[in-house]
Amino acid sequence: MNPKINKLRAELEKNNEKMEKLQVRNAELQQQLQEAENMEILGMVRACGMTVEEIVKLLKTAGGGQE
């Protein structure tokens, strides 16, 4: 078989493996980012001393939702 074809197939396989690893790492990073954002939001809410009911009312008002 043509050596160029073999070389291209090998490079393609190598790139696919790298992409799979990067996709896994991106999923991990997205999860860590969401957890960090959630913790920051929780800290702000606790610092304000709001009750759950007050938070729900605030979010509904800000979002234009009905109570």
Protein backbone atom coordinates (compact mmCIF):
# COMPACT_ATOMS: atom_id res chain seq x y z
CA MET A 1 0.00 0.00 0.00
CA ASN A 2 1.07 3.57 -0.56
CA PRO A 3 3.26 4.78 2.36
CA LYS A 4 1.64 8.21 2.22
CA ILE A 5 -1.78 6.66 2.86
CA ASN A 6 -0.42 4.71 5.83
CA LYS A 7 1.18 7.85 7.24
CA LEU A 8 -2.05 9.85 6.86
CA ARG A 9 -4.12 7.11 8.50
CA ALA A 10 -1.69 6.93 11.42
CA GLU A 11 -1.77 10.70 11.88
CA LEU A 12 -5.56 10.70 11.69
CA GLU A 13 -5.80 8.00 14.35
CA LYS A 14 -3.37 9.88 16.58
CA ASN A 15 -5.38 13.09 16.18
CA ASN A 16 -8.63 11.27 16.98
CA GLU A 17 -7.11 9.95 20.20
CA LYS A 18 -5.96 13.43 21.17
CA MET A 19 -9.41 14.84 20.44
CA GLU A 20 -11.07 12.23 22.63
CA LYS A 21 -8.75 13.07 25.53
CA LEU A 22 -9.39 16.79 25.06
CA GLN A 23 -13.16 16.26 25.01
CA VAL A 24 -12.97 14.34 28.28
CA ARG A 25 -10.83 17.09 29.82
CA ASN A 26 -13.22 19.78 28.57
CA ALA A 27 -16.14 17.97 30.19
CA GLU A 28 -14.20 17.83 33.47
CA LEU A 29 -13.37 21.54 33.23
CA GLN A 30 -17.00 22.44 32.51
CA GLN A 31 -18.11 20.49 35.58
CA GLN A 32 -15.49 22.17 37.78
CA LEU A 33 -16.45 25.60 36.44
CA GLN A 34 -20.14 25.03 37.16
CA GLU A 35 -19.35 23.84 40.68
CA ALA A 36 -17.19 26.91 41.31
CA GLU A 37 -19.88 29.24 39.98
CA ASN A 38 -22.52 27.53 42.11
CA MET A 39 -20.36 27.90 45.21
CA GLU A 40 -19.85 31.59 44.46
CA ILE A 41 -23.60 32.11 44.05
CA LEU A 42 -24.28 30.22 47.27
CA GLY A 43 -21.74 32.37 49.10
CA MET A 44 -23.37 35.58 47.83
CA VAL A 45 -26.83 34.37 48.84
CA ARG A 46 -25.65 33.43 52.31
CA ALA A 47 -23.86 36.77 52.68
CA CYS A 48 -27.15 38.55 51.97
CA GLY A 49 -28.96 36.50 54.61
CA MET A 50 -31.88 35.80 52.28
CA THR A 51 -34.36 33.01 52.86
CA VAL A 52 -35.16 30.46 50.18
CA GLU A 53 -38.54 32.11 49.66
CA GLU A 54 -36.92 35.52 49.18
CA ILE A 55 -34.48 34.11 46.64
CA VAL A 56 -37.29 32.44 44.70
CA LYS A 57 -39.31 35.66 44.69
CA LEU A 58 -36.27 37.68 43.54
CA LEU A 59 -35.48 35.27 40.73
CA LYS A 60 -39.08 35.16 39.53
CA THR A 61 -39.27 38.95 39.57
CA ALA A 62 -35.95 39.33 37.75
CA GLY A 63 -36.95 36.71 35.20
CA GLY A 64 -40.38 38.18 34.58
CA GLY A 65 -42.08 35.02 35.89
CA GLN A 66 -45.33 34.74 37.78
CA GLU A 67 -45.54 33.90 41.48
